[in-house]
């Protein structure tokens, strides 16, 4: 049995409500198509503005997952 090996992907989650929700949306979407999710790290927070108000929160998230053994 070998030690586990991980891969990282980077995605951007969005939300009209909060950075927390944008992060959760990113992880939830990744979980739909990627198996063995193990951890995440938020690497950037930003958003868009419309009419002087926050329109959208964006969270860039790196997600690590364990590669399967063959």
PDB file of N, CA and C in Angstrom:
ATOM      1  N   UNK A   1       0.842  -1.186   0.000  1.00  0.00           N
ATOM      2  CA  UNK A   1       0.000   0.000   0.000  1.00  0.00           C
ATOM      3  C   UNK A   1       0.886   1.249   0.000  1.00  0.00           C
ATOM      4  N   UNK A   2       0.660   2.142  -0.922  1.00  0.00           N
ATOM      5  CA  UNK A   2       1.452   3.366  -1.011  1.00  0.00           C
ATOM      6  C   UNK A   2       0.782   4.489  -0.238  1.00  0.00           C
ATOM      7  N   UNK A   3       1.566   5.491   0.054  1.00  0.00           N
ATOM      8  CA  UNK A   3       1.025   6.671   0.720  1.00  0.00           C
ATOM      9  C   UNK A   3       0.130   7.430  -0.253  1.00  0.00           C
ATOM     10  N   UNK A   4      -0.908   8.100   0.232  1.00  0.00           N
ATOM     11  CA  UNK A   4      -1.818   8.807  -0.673  1.00  0.00           C
ATOM     12  C   UNK A   4      -1.129   9.961  -1.397  1.00  0.00           C
ATOM     13  N   UNK A   5      -1.613  10.230  -2.597  1.00  0.00           N
ATOM     14  CA  UNK A   5      -1.150  11.347  -3.407  1.00  0.00           C
ATOM     15  C   UNK A   5      -2.363  12.213  -3.714  1.00  0.00           C
ATOM     16  N   UNK A   6      -2.172  13.522  -3.703  1.00  0.00           N
ATOM     17  CA  UNK A   6      -3.280  14.454  -3.878  1.00  0.00           C
ATOM     18  C   UNK A   6      -3.069  15.326  -5.109  1.00  0.00           C
ATOM     19  N   UNK A   7      -4.164  15.813  -5.645  1.00  0.00           N
ATOM     20  CA  UNK A   7      -4.144  16.773  -6.744  1.00  0.00           C
ATOM     21  C   UNK A   7      -4.949  17.986  -6.304  1.00  0.00           C
ATOM     22  N   UNK A   8      -4.574  19.181  -6.825  1.00  0.00           N
ATOM     23  CA  UNK A   8      -5.306  20.402  -6.506  1.00  0.00           C
ATOM     24  C   UNK A   8      -5.939  20.954  -7.770  1.00  0.00           C
ATOM     25  N   UNK A   9      -7.154  21.459  -7.603  1.00  0.00           N
ATOM     26  CA  UNK A   9      -7.813  22.211  -8.662  1.00  0.00           C
ATOM     27  C   UNK A   9      -8.145  23.588  -8.104  1.00  0.00           C
ATOM     28  N   UNK A  10      -8.343  24.545  -8.970  1.00  0.00           N
ATOM     29  CA  UNK A  10      -8.689  25.899  -8.535  1.00  0.00           C
ATOM     30  C   UNK A  10      -9.954  26.327  -9.260  1.00  0.00           C
ATOM     31  N   UNK A  11     -10.965  26.705  -8.495  1.00  0.00           N
ATOM     32  CA  UNK A  11     -12.232  27.135  -9.069  1.00  0.00           C
ATOM     33  C   UNK A  11     -12.703  28.408  -8.368  1.00  0.00           C
ATOM     34  N   UNK A  12     -13.652  29.086  -8.987  1.00  0.00           N
ATOM     35  CA  UNK A  12     -14.211  30.319  -8.411  1.00  0.00           C
ATOM     36  C   UNK A  12     -15.693  30.095  -8.145  1.00  0.00           C
ATOM     37  N   UNK A  13     -16.080  30.189  -6.881  1.00  0.00           N
ATOM     38  CA  UNK A  13     -17.490  30.116  -6.503  1.00  0.00           C
ATOM     39  C   UNK A  13     -18.059  31.517  -6.409  1.00  0.00           C
ATOM     40  N   UNK A  14     -19.345  31.642  -6.666  1.00  0.00           N
ATOM     41  CA  UNK A  14     -20.001  32.949  -6.595  1.00  0.00           C
ATOM     42  C   UNK A  14     -21.258  32.875  -5.740  1.00  0.00           C
ATOM     43  N   UNK A  15     -21.677  34.042  -5.268  1.00  0.00           N
ATOM     44  CA  UNK A  15     -22.892  34.156  -4.471  1.00  0.00           C
ATOM     45  C   UNK A  15     -23.351  35.607  -4.461  1.00  0.00           C
ATOM     46  N   UNK A  16     -24.647  35.839  -4.447  1.00  0.00           N
ATOM     47  CA  UNK A  16     -25.135  37.205  -4.287  1.00  0.00           C
ATOM     48  C   UNK A  16     -25.168  37.631  -2.814  1.00  0.00           C
ATOM     49  N   UNK A  17     -24.871  36.685  -1.895  1.00  0.00           N
ATOM     50  CA  UNK A  17     -25.069  36.946  -0.467  1.00  0.00           C
ATOM     51  C   UNK A  17     -23.806  37.129   0.373  1.00  0.00           C
ATOM     52  N   UNK A  18     -22.765  36.288   0.145  1.00  0.00           N
ATOM     53  CA  UNK A  18     -21.598  36.354   1.023  1.00  0.00           C
ATOM     54  C   UNK A  18     -20.412  35.572   0.461  1.00  0.00           C
ATOM     55  N   UNK A  19     -19.221  35.875   0.999  1.00  0.00           N
ATOM     56  CA  UNK A  19     -18.029  35.116   0.645  1.00  0.00           C
ATOM     57  C   UNK A  19     -18.147  33.683   1.140  1.00  0.00           C
ATOM     58  N   UNK A  20     -18.717  33.508   2.342  1.00  0.00           N
ATOM     59  CA  UNK A  20     -18.897  32.154   2.877  1.00  0.00           C
ATOM     60  C   UNK A  20     -19.741  31.299   1.937  1.00  0.00           C
ATOM     61  N   UNK A  21     -20.817  31.866   1.455  1.00  0.00           N
ATOM     62  CA  UNK A  21     -21.689  31.132   0.552  1.00  0.00           C
ATOM     63  C   UNK A  21     -21.005  30.872  -0.789  1.00  0.00           C
ATOM     64  N   UNK A  22     -20.228  31.813  -1.272  1.00  0.00           N
ATOM     65  CA  UNK A  22     -19.485  31.605  -2.511  1.00  0.00           C
ATOM     66  C   UNK A  22     -18.502  30.447  -2.364  1.00  0.00           C
ATOM     67  N   UNK A  23     -17.827  30.376  -1.210  1.00  0.00           N
ATOM     68  CA  UNK A  23     -16.904  29.270  -0.939  1.00  0.00           C
ATOM     69  C   UNK A  23     -17.646  27.947  -0.884  1.00  0.00           C
ATOM     70  N   UNK A  24     -18.754  27.907  -0.159  1.00  0.00           N
ATOM     71  CA  UNK A  24     -19.544  26.678  -0.053  1.00  0.00           C
ATOM     72  C   UNK A  24     -20.071  26.242  -1.412  1.00  0.00           C
ATOM     73  N   UNK A  25     -20.467  27.187  -2.244  1.00  0.00           N
ATOM     74  CA  UNK A  25     -20.956  26.854  -3.584  1.00  0.00           C
ATOM     75  C   UNK A  25     -19.852  26.229  -4.431  1.00  0.00           C
ATOM     76  N   UNK A  26     -18.638  26.738  -4.307  1.00  0.00           N
ATOM     77  CA  UNK A  26     -17.510  26.175  -5.052  1.00  0.00           C
ATOM     78  C   UNK A  26     -17.252  24.730  -4.644  1.00  0.00           C
ATOM     79  N   UNK A  27     -17.219  24.472  -3.349  1.00  0.00           N
ATOM     80  CA  UNK A  27     -16.969  23.115  -2.852  1.00  0.00           C
ATOM     81  C   UNK A  27     -18.105  22.176  -3.259  1.00  0.00           C
ATOM     82  N   UNK A  28     -19.328  22.627  -3.123  1.00  0.00           N
ATOM     83  CA  UNK A  28     -20.481  21.787  -3.479  1.00  0.00           C
ATOM     84  C   UNK A  28     -20.473  21.430  -4.961  1.00  0.00           C
ATOM     85  N   UNK A  29     -20.143  22.380  -5.807  1.00  0.00           N
ATOM     86  CA  UNK A  29     -20.108  22.116  -7.251  1.00  0.00           C
ATOM     87  C   UNK A  29     -18.992  21.133  -7.589  1.00  0.00           C
ATOM     88  N   UNK A  30     -17.823  21.300  -6.978  1.00  0.00           N
ATOM     89  CA  UNK A  30     -16.716  20.366  -7.215  1.00  0.00           C
ATOM     90  C   UNK A  30     -17.098  18.953  -6.779  1.00  0.00           C
ATOM     91  N   UNK A  31     -17.831  18.848  -5.679  1.00  0.00           N
ATOM     92  CA  UNK A  31     -18.227  17.534  -5.152  1.00  0.00           C
ATOM     93  C   UNK A  31     -19.169  16.790  -6.095  1.00  0.00           C
ATOM     94  N   UNK A  32     -19.810  17.494  -7.006  1.00  0.00           N
ATOM     95  CA  UNK A  32     -20.699  16.838  -7.965  1.00  0.00           C
ATOM     96  C   UNK A  32     -19.935  15.997  -8.981  1.00  0.00           C
ATOM     97  N   UNK A  33     -18.682  16.358  -9.264  1.00  0.00           N
ATOM     98  CA  UNK A  33     -17.944  15.665 -10.321  1.00  0.00           C
ATOM     99  C   UNK A  33     -16.584  15.117  -9.905  1.00  0.00           C
ATOM    100  N   UNK A  34     -16.099  15.482  -8.723  1.00  0.00           N
ATOM    101  CA  UNK A  34     -14.778  15.029  -8.276  1.00  0.00           C
ATOM    102  C   UNK A  34     -14.947  14.186  -7.021  1.00  0.00           C
ATOM    103  N   UNK A  35     -14.304  13.017  -7.019  1.00  0.00           N
ATOM    104  CA  UNK A  35     -14.372  12.140  -5.838  1.00  0.00           C
ATOM    105  C   UNK A  35     -13.210  12.418  -4.895  1.00  0.00           C
ATOM    106  N   UNK A  36     -13.350  11.962  -3.680  1.00  0.00           N
ATOM    107  CA  UNK A  36     -12.284  11.970  -2.669  1.00  0.00           C
ATOM    108  C   UNK A  36     -11.806  13.376  -2.283  1.00  0.00           C
ATOM    109  N   UNK A  37     -12.725  14.351  -2.242  1.00  0.00           N
ATOM    110  CA  UNK A  37     -12.336  15.686  -1.795  1.00  0.00           C
ATOM    111  C   UNK A  37     -11.803  15.605  -0.372  1.00  0.00           C
ATOM    112  N   UNK A  38     -10.706  16.307  -0.122  1.00  0.00           N
ATOM    113  CA  UNK A  38     -10.070  16.218   1.190  1.00  0.00           C
ATOM    114  C   UNK A  38      -9.966  17.550   1.918  1.00  0.00           C
ATOM    115  N   UNK A  39      -9.689  18.638   1.203  1.00  0.00           N
ATOM    116  CA  UNK A  39      -9.468  19.932   1.859  1.00  0.00           C
ATOM    117  C   UNK A  39      -9.676  21.053   0.858  1.00  0.00           C
ATOM    118  N   UNK A  40      -9.767  22.268   1.391  1.00  0.00           N
ATOM    119  CA  UNK A  40      -9.841  23.442   0.527  1.00  0.00           C
ATOM    120  C   UNK A  40      -9.114  24.601   1.192  1.00  0.00           C
ATOM    121  N   UNK A  41      -8.695  25.557   0.363  1.00  0.00           N
ATOM    122  CA  UNK A  41      -8.121  26.792   0.876  1.00  0.00           C
ATOM    123  C   UNK A  41      -8.628  27.939   0.022  1.00  0.00           C
ATOM    124  N   UNK A  42      -9.032  29.003   0.668  1.00  0.00           N
ATOM    125  CA  UNK A  42      -9.476  30.197  -0.043  1.00  0.00           C
ATOM    126  C   UNK A  42      -8.231  31.004  -0.376  1.00  0.00           C
ATOM    127  N   UNK A  43      -8.026  31.282  -1.666  1.00  0.00           N
ATOM    128  CA  UNK A  43      -6.808  31.993  -2.081  1.00  0.00           C
ATOM    129  C   UNK A  43      -7.071  33.430  -2.505  1.00  0.00           C
ATOM    130  N   UNK A  44      -8.323  33.767  -2.790  1.00  0.00           N
ATOM    131  CA  UNK A  44      -8.641  35.138  -3.178  1.00  0.00           C
ATOM    132  C   UNK A  44     -10.123  35.419  -2.949  1.00  0.00           C
ATOM    133  N   UNK A  45     -10.408  36.617  -2.481  1.00  0.00           N
ATOM    134  CA  UNK A  45     -11.777  37.094  -2.343  1.00  0.00           C
ATOM    135  C   UNK A  45     -11.922  38.365  -3.166  1.00  0.00           C
ATOM    136  N   UNK A  46     -12.975  38.440  -3.917  1.00  0.00           N
ATOM    137  CA  UNK A  46     -13.257  39.643  -4.698  1.00  0.00           C
ATOM    138  C   UNK A  46     -14.746  39.677  -4.984  1.00  0.00           C
ATOM    139  N   UNK A  47     -15.200  40.719  -5.644  1.00  0.00           N
ATOM    140  CA  UNK A  47     -16.613  40.808  -5.978  1.00  0.00           C
ATOM    141  C   UNK A  47     -16.851  41.836  -7.056  1.00  0.00           C
ATOM    142  N   UNK A  48     -18.102  41.942  -7.429  1.00  0.00           N
ATOM    143  CA  UNK A  48     -18.473  42.943  -8.431  1.00  0.00           C
ATOM    144  C   UNK A  48     -19.439  43.942  -7.804  1.00  0.00           C
ATOM    145  N   UNK A  49     -19.440  45.135  -8.373  1.00  0.00           N
ATOM    146  CA  UNK A  49     -20.246  46.240  -7.861  1.00  0.00           C
ATOM    147  C   UNK A  49     -21.170  46.723  -8.965  1.00  0.00           C
ATOM    148  N   UNK A  50     -22.424  46.998  -8.609  1.00  0.00           N
ATOM    149  CA  UNK A  50     -23.375  47.598  -9.555  1.00  0.00           C
ATOM    150  C   UNK A  50     -24.173  48.665  -8.812  1.00  0.00           C
ATOM    151  N   UNK A  51     -24.272  49.828  -9.387  1.00  0.00           N
ATOM    152  CA  UNK A  51     -25.024  50.941  -8.786  1.00  0.00           C
ATOM    153  C   UNK A  51     -24.569  51.248  -7.364  1.00  0.00           C
ATOM    154  N   UNK A  52     -23.262  51.153  -7.132  1.00  0.00           N
ATOM    155  CA  UNK A  52     -22.709  51.489  -5.824  1.00  0.00           C
ATOM    156  C   UNK A  52     -22.936  50.457  -4.747  1.00  0.00           C
ATOM    157  N   UNK A  53     -23.396  49.256  -5.118  1.00  0.00           N
ATOM    158  CA  UNK A  53     -23.657  48.186  -4.141  1.00  0.00           C
ATOM    159  C   UNK A  53     -22.970  46.900  -4.587  1.00  0.00           C
ATOM    160  N   UNK A  54     -22.687  46.053  -3.600  1.00  0.00           N
ATOM    161  CA  UNK A  54     -22.106  44.753  -3.925  1.00  0.00           C
ATOM    162  C   UNK A  54     -23.146  43.932  -4.682  1.00  0.00           C
ATOM    163  N   UNK A  55     -22.754  43.496  -5.877  1.00  0.00           N
ATOM    164  CA  UNK A  55     -23.659  42.693  -6.696  1.00  0.00           C
ATOM    165  C   UNK A  55     -23.371  41.205  -6.527  1.00  0.00           C
ATOM    166  N   UNK A  56     -22.078  40.842  -6.444  1.00  0.00           N
ATOM    167  CA  UNK A  56     -21.728  39.431  -6.371  1.00  0.00           C
ATOM    168  C   UNK A  56     -20.432  39.259  -5.584  1.00  0.00           C
ATOM    169  N   UNK A  57     -20.400  38.240  -4.744  1.00  0.00           N
ATOM    170  CA  UNK A  57     -19.199  37.849  -4.019  1.00  0.00           C
ATOM    171  C   UNK A  57     -18.557  36.695  -4.779  1.00  0.00           C
ATOM    172  N   UNK A  58     -17.224  36.720  -4.866  1.00  0.00           N
ATOM    173  CA  UNK A  58     -16.495  35.666  -5.568  1.00  0.00           C
ATOM    174  C   UNK A  58     -15.367  35.164  -4.676  1.00  0.00           C
ATOM    175  N   UNK A  59     -15.231  33.845  -4.592  1.00  0.00           N
ATOM    176  CA  UNK A  59     -14.169  33.230  -3.800  1.00  0.00           C
ATOM    177  C   UNK A  59     -13.398  32.252  -4.683  1.00  0.00           C
ATOM    178  N   UNK A  60     -12.110  32.518  -4.852  1.00  0.00           N
ATOM    179  CA  UNK A  60     -11.253  31.569  -5.564  1.00  0.00           C
ATOM    180  C   UNK A  60     -10.785  30.544  -4.543  1.00  0.00           C
ATOM    181  N   UNK A  61     -11.023  29.283  -4.851  1.00  0.00           N
ATOM    182  CA  UNK A  61     -10.795  28.199  -3.898  1.00  0.00           C
ATOM    183  C   UNK A  61      -9.932  27.122  -4.540  1.00  0.00           C
ATOM    184  N   UNK A  62      -8.888  26.710  -3.841  1.00  0.00           N
ATOM    185  CA  UNK A  62      -8.123  25.525  -4.248  1.00  0.00           C
ATOM    186  C   UNK A  62      -8.678  24.347  -3.469  1.00  0.00           C
ATOM    187  N   UNK A  63      -8.973  23.295  -4.181  1.00  0.00           N
ATOM    188  CA  UNK A  63      -9.553  22.107  -3.561  1.00  0.00           C
ATOM    189  C   UNK A  63      -8.619  20.933  -3.822  1.00  0.00           C
ATOM    190  N   UNK A  64      -8.275  20.224  -2.758  1.00  0.00           N
ATOM    191  CA  UNK A  64      -7.414  19.051  -2.872  1.00  0.00           C
ATOM    192  C   UNK A  64      -8.232  17.781  -2.789  1.00  0.00           C
ATOM    193  N   UNK A  65      -7.859  16.822  -3.622  1.00  0.00           N
ATOM    194  CA  UNK A  65      -8.516  15.518  -3.565  1.00  0.00           C
ATOM    195  C   UNK A  65      -7.494  14.406  -3.736  1.00  0.00           C
ATOM    196  N   UNK A  66      -7.781  13.279  -3.109  1.00  0.00           N
ATOM    197  CA  UNK A  66      -6.877  12.135  -3.137  1.00  0.00           C
ATOM    198  C   UNK A  66      -7.045  11.387  -4.448  1.00  0.00           C
ATOM    199  N   UNK A  67      -5.931  11.109  -5.108  1.00  0.00           N
ATOM    200  CA  UNK A  67      -5.972  10.316  -6.333  1.00  0.00           C
ATOM    201  C   UNK A  67      -6.205   8.854  -5.986  1.00  0.00           C
ATOM    202  N   UNK A  68      -6.989   8.196  -6.800  1.00  0.00           N
ATOM    203  CA  UNK A  68      -7.288   6.778  -6.558  1.00  0.00           C
ATOM    204  C   UNK A  68      -6.138   5.909  -7.026  1.00  0.00           C
ATOM    205  N   UNK A  69      -5.929   4.812  -6.304  1.00  0.00           N
ATOM    206  CA  UNK A  69      -4.905   3.845  -6.695  1.00  0.00           C
ATOM    207  C   UNK A  69      -5.488   2.903  -7.735  1.00  0.00           C
ATOM    208  N   UNK A  70      -4.642   2.461  -8.641  1.00  0.00           N
ATOM    209  CA  UNK A  70      -5.108   1.519  -9.674  1.00  0.00           C
ATOM    210  C   UNK A  70      -4.874   0.111  -9.278  1.00  0.00           C
TER     211      UNK A  70
END
